[in-house]
Amino acid sequence: MARQAYGLLAAAVLAIGVLVPGPADKVVFLDVGQGDAILLQDGTAQILIDGGKGVAVLSRLAEELPWFDRKIEVIIATHPDKDHLEGLVHVLEGYEVGLVLLPRVSKDSQLQQAWLERLQAAAENRRAAWRFAWAGEQVRAGGIVVSVLGPDAAAAAGEKTNNASVITRVDFCGGDNPSPFLLQRGGKAIPLLPPSPAGPAPLRPLKSGERASLSRDGHCLSFMLTGDAEALIERRLTAAYASAVPGDCILQTSGTLPTCAGNLLNVDVLKAGHHGSSTSTTAELLAAASPAAVVISVGAENSYGHPHRNVLARLAGFQLWRTDEHGSVRFLRGAAGWAVQTRRH
C-alpha cells in the first residue's frame, strides 16, 4: 500500500513538473508575430510590456506562466498601435491585473485614442488601477525594477504616436539581489551603477531551444525597451541620459527628461525600436547603449519590410535574436547566472 501511495505521489510530482513552466526568473520577448510583447517574471511576480495583436499573447503566456497563476502585477502599454495594445485587452479579460500604465497621446489621433479608451475600459471593468506614465516613474515587482525614461511632455503632445512611446529601462537582479534605484521624483539624486564593460559578445546563430551564456554580471541583467520611438526621440534620450561620466541622475519635475551625469542607456540587452524599422535604432543609440545583445520583435514575411537592411547592417557584430527566426527569445536566470534560450512555436 505504501509503495502504491509512493507511486501515486511520484506521478503527481511529475505531472506538476510538466504543468509548471520553468525557470521562474526570466525576461521573454514573446513571439506574437508582427508586434511586441515582453514578459518579465521574478518568481510569481510578473510585468507585461505590450501584448501584440489579437490573442496570440494568451498562448505565449500559457507557455511561460504556471496554470494556477492568473495574476499579472503590472501591465505597461507603450503606445496605442494595434500590434502593441490589442492583446493587452484580452490579457485584462483573462488575468487579474494590479496596475496598468498607459501612454499619453494627442487626442487628434482618433484611432489610437479609441484603442487607448478600449484598454482603459477593460482595466476599469476588471477593477485594475491605471494611470498615465511619465519619464521619471518607477514600478517594481519582486526583484524587477522598471524605470520610465520617456516620454516627456513634448513627445506626448506631438503628432506621431510612435514618438510618444513609453520608453523603459529594466533592471532585473532577482528577489535576493535588489535592483538599483535609478530615478526618483522630487529632484533627488540617486547613484547609478557604473557602465558595464563595452563590447558585444561574439555573434553566432542559435538553433531553436539552444542556450547561450550572456550576462556580463553574474546576477543582474539590464534591458532597454523603446516601443516604436523614432530617431528624434532616440537623440533626445542620448542627450538626456548618456553622459560619459558615471554619477547621479536628477529628475527636476514630472513630465520632463532628467539631468543625468551618468549613462542610463548602457544596458546588456536592447530591443530594436519599431520592429527594426529604418526610423529607429540609430548608430547614436547603439553607441550609448553598448548592448551585449539586440532583440528584434517582428513577424515573419511582414508587409512592412521589417527589419530594414540598414538596421541589420548597423547591428552587424552584435549578438542578435529575431522572433521571426528564433521564436520567443528567453533570458533565463539560474544559479550560474543568465543564459538565453529560444523557443519556436
Protein backbone atom coordinates (compact mmCIF):
# COMPACT_ATOMS: atom_id res chain seq x y z
CA MET A 1 0.00 0.00 0.00
CA ALA A 2 2.84 2.37 0.91
CA ARG A 3 4.58 1.53 -2.37
CA GLN A 4 1.37 2.30 -4.28
CA ALA A 5 0.97 5.61 -2.44
CA TYR A 6 4.59 6.49 -3.19
CA GLY A 7 3.99 5.73 -6.86
CA LEU A 8 0.94 7.97 -6.94
CA LEU A 9 2.88 10.76 -5.21
CA ALA A 10 5.76 10.47 -7.68
CA ALA A 11 3.33 10.60 -10.59
CA ALA A 12 1.67 13.69 -9.13
CA VAL A 13 5.03 15.42 -8.68
CA LEU A 14 5.98 14.53 -12.25
CA ALA A 15 2.67 15.88 -13.55
CA ILE A 16 3.14 19.14 -11.65
CA GLY A 17 6.64 19.45 -13.09
CA VAL A 18 5.23 19.10 -16.60
CA LEU A 19 2.42 21.60 -15.99
CA VAL A 20 4.54 24.28 -14.31
CA PRO A 21 6.88 26.09 -16.72
CA GLY A 22 10.35 26.91 -15.51
CA PRO A 23 12.54 28.63 -14.60
CA ALA A 24 10.65 31.37 -12.78
CA ASP A 25 13.20 34.20 -13.18
CA LYS A 26 13.17 35.34 -16.78
CA VAL A 27 12.60 38.02 -19.37
CA VAL A 28 10.87 36.75 -22.51
CA PHE A 29 10.37 38.53 -25.81
CA LEU A 30 7.23 36.64 -26.76
CA ASP A 31 6.73 35.57 -30.36
CA VAL A 32 3.39 37.23 -31.17
CA GLY A 33 4.03 37.83 -34.87
CA GLN A 34 4.28 41.42 -36.08
CA GLY A 35 4.10 43.14 -32.72
CA ASP A 36 5.67 43.48 -29.28
CA ALA A 37 5.01 41.59 -26.05
CA ILE A 38 7.65 41.29 -23.33
CA LEU A 39 7.13 39.27 -20.14
CA LEU A 40 9.21 39.99 -17.03
CA GLN A 41 8.91 37.35 -14.31
CA ASP A 42 10.58 37.09 -10.90
CA GLY A 43 9.12 34.07 -9.15
CA THR A 44 5.38 34.72 -9.00
CA ALA A 45 5.70 38.45 -9.77
CA GLN A 46 5.05 39.41 -13.38
CA ILE A 47 5.16 42.54 -15.53
CA LEU A 48 3.90 42.51 -19.13
CA ILE A 49 5.01 45.23 -21.52
CA ASP A 50 2.74 45.35 -24.59
CA GLY A 51 0.58 42.48 -25.82
CA GLY A 52 0.87 42.26 -29.60
CA LYS A 53 -2.12 41.99 -31.92
CA GLY A 54 -5.02 39.58 -31.45
CA VAL A 55 -4.95 36.75 -28.91
CA ALA A 56 -1.53 35.21 -29.65
CA VAL A 57 -0.20 36.63 -26.38
CA LEU A 58 -2.56 34.37 -24.40
CA SER A 59 -0.98 31.24 -25.87
CA ARG A 60 2.52 32.56 -25.22
CA LEU A 61 1.68 33.44 -21.60
CA ALA A 62 0.22 29.97 -21.07
CA GLU A 63 3.58 28.52 -22.12
CA GLU A 64 5.53 30.72 -19.70
CA LEU A 65 3.34 31.02 -16.59
CA PRO A 66 2.01 28.33 -14.23
CA TRP A 67 -1.60 27.43 -14.96
CA PHE A 68 -2.62 28.42 -11.42
CA ASP A 69 -1.02 31.89 -11.55
CA ARG A 70 -3.65 34.19 -13.05
CA LYS A 71 -2.27 37.46 -11.73
CA ILE A 72 -0.03 39.94 -13.53
CA GLU A 73 1.15 42.68 -11.21
CA VAL A 74 1.77 45.37 -13.82
CA ILE A 75 0.86 45.90 -17.47
CA ILE A 76 2.57 48.64 -19.49
CA ALA A 77 1.22 49.74 -22.87
CA THR A 78 3.97 51.58 -24.73
CA HIS A 79 1.68 53.23 -27.30
CA PRO A 80 -1.79 52.65 -28.77
CA ASP A 81 -0.96 50.85 -32.02
CA LYS A 82 -2.98 47.68 -32.52
CA ASP A 83 0.14 45.49 -32.74
CA HIS A 84 1.15 46.56 -29.24
CA LEU A 85 -2.12 47.16 -27.41
CA GLU A 86 -4.87 44.83 -28.66
CA GLY A 87 -3.52 41.75 -26.92
CA LEU A 88 -3.49 43.60 -23.59
CA VAL A 89 -7.27 43.93 -23.76
CA HIS A 90 -7.53 40.13 -23.94
CA VAL A 91 -5.00 39.74 -21.12
CA LEU A 92 -7.11 42.01 -18.91
CA GLU A 93 -10.13 39.84 -19.66
CA GLY A 94 -8.32 36.66 -18.60
CA TYR A 95 -5.98 37.71 -15.79
CA GLU A 96 -6.16 39.69 -12.58
CA VAL A 97 -4.04 42.81 -13.06
CA GLY A 98 -2.83 45.14 -10.33
CA LEU A 99 -1.78 48.23 -12.30
CA VAL A 100 -1.94 49.38 -15.93
CA LEU A 101 0.45 52.10 -17.12
CA LEU A 102 -0.76 53.89 -20.24
CA PRO A 103 0.89 56.18 -22.79
CA ARG A 104 -0.23 59.76 -23.28
CA VAL A 105 -1.21 60.57 -26.86
CA SER A 106 -2.71 63.56 -28.62
CA LYS A 107 -6.49 63.45 -28.80
CA ASP A 108 -6.10 64.32 -32.50
CA SER A 109 -5.06 60.71 -33.07
CA GLN A 110 -8.62 59.39 -33.16
CA LEU A 111 -7.89 55.74 -33.99
CA GLN A 112 -5.14 55.47 -31.39
CA GLN A 113 -7.30 57.29 -28.86
CA ALA A 114 -10.08 54.77 -29.47
CA TRP A 115 -7.71 51.87 -28.75
CA LEU A 116 -6.48 53.60 -25.63
CA GLU A 117 -10.02 54.13 -24.38
CA ARG A 118 -10.79 50.47 -25.04
CA LEU A 119 -7.86 49.44 -22.86
CA GLN A 120 -8.91 51.89 -20.14
CA ALA A 121 -12.42 50.43 -20.19
CA ALA A 122 -11.07 46.89 -19.92
CA ALA A 123 -8.95 47.91 -16.93
CA GLU A 124 -11.91 49.55 -15.21
CA ASN A 125 -14.16 46.56 -15.89
CA ARG A 126 -11.62 44.32 -14.16
CA ARG A 127 -11.14 46.84 -11.32
CA ALA A 128 -7.47 47.30 -12.22
CA ALA A 129 -5.83 50.58 -11.24
CA TRP A 130 -4.46 52.60 -14.14
CA ARG A 131 -2.57 55.81 -14.73
CA PHE A 132 -0.53 57.54 -17.41
CA ALA A 133 3.23 57.05 -17.49
CA TRP A 134 5.76 59.88 -17.35
CA ALA A 135 9.54 59.99 -17.51
CA GLY A 136 10.94 59.52 -14.01
CA GLU A 137 8.42 56.99 -12.70
CA GLN A 138 9.33 53.54 -11.46
CA VAL A 139 7.42 50.33 -10.87
CA ARG A 140 8.72 47.27 -9.03
CA ALA A 141 7.68 43.63 -8.89
CA GLY A 142 9.89 41.25 -6.95
CA GLY A 143 13.48 41.92 -7.99
CA ILE A 144 12.41 43.71 -11.19
CA VAL A 145 12.69 47.48 -11.43
CA VAL A 146 11.20 49.25 -14.46
CA SER A 147 12.31 52.88 -14.81
CA VAL A 148 10.35 55.05 -17.25
CA LEU A 149 12.79 57.09 -19.36
CA GLY A 150 10.20 58.67 -21.66
CA PRO A 151 8.06 60.20 -22.97
CA ASP A 152 8.40 63.78 -21.86
CA ALA A 153 5.52 66.23 -22.28
CA ALA A 154 6.77 67.43 -25.67
CA ALA A 155 6.82 63.93 -27.15
CA ALA A 156 3.39 63.09 -25.73
CA ALA A 157 1.90 66.20 -27.34
CA GLY A 158 3.50 65.56 -30.74
CA GLU A 159 1.83 64.43 -33.93
CA LYS A 160 3.48 60.98 -34.06
CA THR A 161 2.15 58.49 -31.54
CA ASN A 162 5.25 56.34 -32.13
CA ASN A 163 7.32 59.11 -30.58
CA ALA A 164 5.05 59.17 -27.53
CA SER A 165 6.03 55.56 -26.76
CA VAL A 166 6.66 54.72 -23.12
CA ILE A 167 10.40 54.01 -23.03
CA THR A 168 11.73 51.89 -20.19
CA ARG A 169 14.92 50.59 -18.67
CA VAL A 170 14.52 47.24 -16.89
CA ASP A 171 16.95 46.12 -14.18
CA PHE A 172 16.48 42.51 -13.12
CA CYS A 173 18.54 41.24 -10.22
CA GLY A 174 16.14 38.70 -8.71
CA GLY A 175 14.49 38.87 -5.32
CA ASP A 176 17.70 38.23 -3.37
CA ASN A 177 19.63 40.93 -5.25
CA PRO A 178 17.71 44.22 -5.05
CA SER A 179 17.95 46.22 -8.26
CA PRO A 180 19.50 49.70 -8.30
CA PHE A 181 17.10 52.58 -7.74
CA LEU A 182 17.71 54.70 -10.80
CA LEU A 183 15.22 57.55 -10.70
CA GLN A 184 13.13 59.24 -8.06
CA ARG A 185 10.64 62.09 -8.08
CA GLY A 186 11.34 65.41 -6.41
CA GLY A 187 14.79 66.22 -7.78
CA LYS A 188 16.62 63.77 -5.52
CA ALA A 189 19.92 62.48 -6.91
CA ILE A 190 20.23 58.68 -6.99
CA PRO A 191 23.60 56.94 -7.57
CA LEU A 192 23.80 54.89 -10.74
CA LEU A 193 25.60 51.65 -11.40
CA PRO A 194 28.86 52.07 -13.32
CA PRO A 195 28.58 51.21 -17.03
CA SER A 196 29.07 47.57 -17.99
CA PRO A 197 32.25 46.70 -19.92
CA ALA A 198 31.95 47.85 -23.52
CA GLY A 199 31.81 45.47 -26.44
CA PRO A 200 29.29 42.88 -27.60
CA ALA A 201 29.60 39.16 -27.08
CA PRO A 202 30.63 37.11 -30.13
CA LEU A 203 27.88 36.69 -32.70
CA ARG A 204 26.82 33.22 -33.74
CA PRO A 205 23.49 31.81 -34.91
CA LEU A 206 21.33 29.93 -32.42
CA LYS A 207 19.10 26.98 -33.12
CA SER A 208 15.63 26.63 -31.60
CA GLY A 209 15.93 25.58 -27.96
CA GLU A 210 19.66 26.24 -27.78
CA ARG A 211 21.07 28.09 -24.78
CA ALA A 212 23.95 30.57 -24.76
CA SER A 213 25.53 32.46 -21.89
CA LEU A 214 25.08 36.22 -21.99
CA SER A 215 25.40 38.06 -18.71
CA ARG A 216 28.27 40.49 -18.15
CA ASP A 217 27.25 40.50 -14.48
CA GLY A 218 26.61 37.14 -12.85
CA HIS A 219 23.43 38.30 -11.11
CA CYS A 220 21.86 41.34 -12.77
CA LEU A 221 20.71 41.92 -16.33
CA SER A 222 19.51 45.21 -17.81
CA PHE A 223 17.27 45.92 -20.80
CA MET A 224 16.11 48.98 -22.73
CA LEU A 225 12.71 48.88 -24.43
CA THR A 226 11.87 51.80 -26.71
CA GLY A 227 8.50 50.80 -28.17
CA ASP A 228 8.20 52.33 -31.64
CA ALA A 229 10.07 55.55 -30.81
CA GLU A 230 11.95 57.02 -33.76
CA ALA A 231 15.30 58.76 -34.32
CA LEU A 232 14.15 62.14 -32.95
CA ILE A 233 13.33 60.59 -29.57
CA GLU A 234 16.46 58.46 -29.57
CA ARG A 235 18.51 61.66 -29.96
CA ARG A 236 16.66 63.22 -27.01
CA LEU A 237 17.35 60.11 -24.94
CA THR A 238 21.06 60.14 -25.66
CA ALA A 239 21.26 63.85 -24.86
CA ALA A 240 19.45 63.39 -21.54
CA TYR A 241 20.81 60.07 -20.31
CA ALA A 242 24.11 59.21 -22.00
CA SER A 243 26.73 61.43 -20.37
CA ALA A 244 30.15 59.81 -20.43
CA VAL A 245 30.85 60.32 -16.71
CA PRO A 246 29.22 57.97 -14.14
CA GLY A 247 27.34 59.85 -11.47
CA ASP A 248 23.82 60.84 -10.49
CA CYS A 249 20.56 61.31 -12.36
CA ILE A 250 18.24 64.07 -11.14
CA LEU A 251 14.60 64.40 -12.15
CA GLN A 252 13.54 68.03 -11.72
CA THR A 253 9.80 67.85 -12.47
CA SER A 254 7.35 65.25 -13.68
CA GLY A 255 6.95 65.21 -17.45
CA THR A 256 10.50 66.35 -18.23
CA LEU A 257 13.60 64.36 -19.04
CA PRO A 258 16.04 64.38 -16.12
CA THR A 259 19.51 65.85 -15.94
CA CYS A 260 21.99 62.98 -15.83
CA ALA A 261 25.71 62.74 -15.19
CA GLY A 262 25.75 59.01 -15.81
CA ASN A 263 24.77 56.70 -18.65
CA LEU A 264 21.31 55.25 -18.01
CA LEU A 265 21.21 53.93 -21.57
CA ASN A 266 24.10 51.49 -21.09
CA VAL A 267 22.35 48.10 -20.93
CA ASP A 268 23.01 44.43 -21.56
CA VAL A 269 20.09 43.95 -23.96
CA LEU A 270 18.45 46.45 -26.32
CA LYS A 271 15.14 45.85 -28.07
CA ALA A 272 15.43 47.30 -31.56
CA GLY A 273 12.89 50.09 -31.97
CA HIS A 274 9.80 49.79 -34.17
CA HIS A 275 10.40 46.15 -35.15
CA GLY A 276 13.66 47.00 -36.91
CA SER A 277 12.24 49.86 -38.96
CA SER A 278 14.68 52.25 -40.66
CA THR A 279 13.22 55.03 -38.47
CA SER A 280 14.81 53.67 -35.30
CA THR A 281 17.83 52.00 -33.66
CA THR A 282 20.25 54.70 -34.71
CA ALA A 283 24.01 54.41 -34.54
CA GLU A 284 23.98 57.02 -31.76
CA LEU A 285 21.65 54.96 -29.59
CA LEU A 286 23.65 51.79 -30.20
CA ALA A 287 26.84 53.57 -29.18
CA ALA A 288 25.22 54.90 -25.99
CA ALA A 289 23.61 51.58 -25.06
CA SER A 290 26.61 49.41 -25.99
CA PRO A 291 24.47 46.27 -25.55
CA ALA A 292 25.77 42.72 -25.48
CA ALA A 293 22.70 41.65 -27.45
CA VAL A 294 19.86 43.09 -29.51
CA VAL A 295 16.37 41.60 -29.94
CA ILE A 296 14.07 42.38 -32.87
CA SER A 297 10.40 41.58 -32.26
CA VAL A 298 8.98 41.14 -35.75
CA GLY A 299 6.61 38.97 -37.77
CA ALA A 300 7.81 36.61 -40.49
CA GLU A 301 7.35 37.90 -44.05
CA ASN A 302 5.60 41.04 -42.82
CA SER A 303 4.34 43.61 -45.32
CA TYR A 304 6.44 46.45 -43.85
CA GLY A 305 9.84 45.11 -44.84
CA HIS A 306 10.95 44.87 -41.21
CA PRO A 307 13.70 44.60 -40.22
CA HIS A 308 15.21 47.10 -42.65
CA ARG A 309 18.53 46.19 -44.28
CA ASN A 310 20.16 49.39 -42.99
CA VAL A 311 19.27 48.47 -39.41
CA LEU A 312 20.63 44.95 -39.90
CA ALA A 313 23.85 46.48 -41.23
CA ARG A 314 24.14 48.63 -38.09
CA LEU A 315 23.59 45.53 -35.96
CA ALA A 316 26.35 43.52 -37.65
CA GLY A 317 28.67 42.27 -34.92
CA PHE A 318 26.05 42.37 -32.17
CA GLN A 319 24.57 39.19 -30.76
CA LEU A 320 21.18 39.29 -32.49
CA TRP A 321 17.90 37.48 -31.87
CA ARG A 322 14.78 37.81 -34.00
CA THR A 323 11.36 36.47 -33.07
CA ASP A 324 10.56 35.77 -36.74
CA GLU A 325 13.57 33.45 -36.97
CA HIS A 326 14.07 32.18 -33.42
CA GLY A 327 10.57 32.34 -31.92
CA SER A 328 10.27 33.57 -28.34
CA VAL A 329 13.62 34.79 -27.01
CA ARG A 330 14.02 33.83 -23.34
CA PHE A 331 16.60 35.32 -20.98
CA LEU A 332 16.73 32.87 -18.06
CA ARG A 333 18.34 33.36 -14.67
CA GLY A 334 19.84 30.33 -12.95
CA ALA A 335 22.41 29.54 -10.29
CA ALA A 336 25.27 30.14 -12.73
CA GLY A 337 23.92 33.48 -13.97
CA TRP A 338 21.91 34.35 -17.06
CA ALA A 339 21.52 32.35 -20.26
CA VAL A 340 19.50 32.73 -23.45
CA GLN A 341 17.13 30.15 -24.88
CA THR A 342 14.89 30.34 -27.92
CA ARG A 343 11.52 28.65 -28.35
CA ARG A 344 9.91 28.09 -31.73
CA HIS A 345 6.13 27.75 -31.97
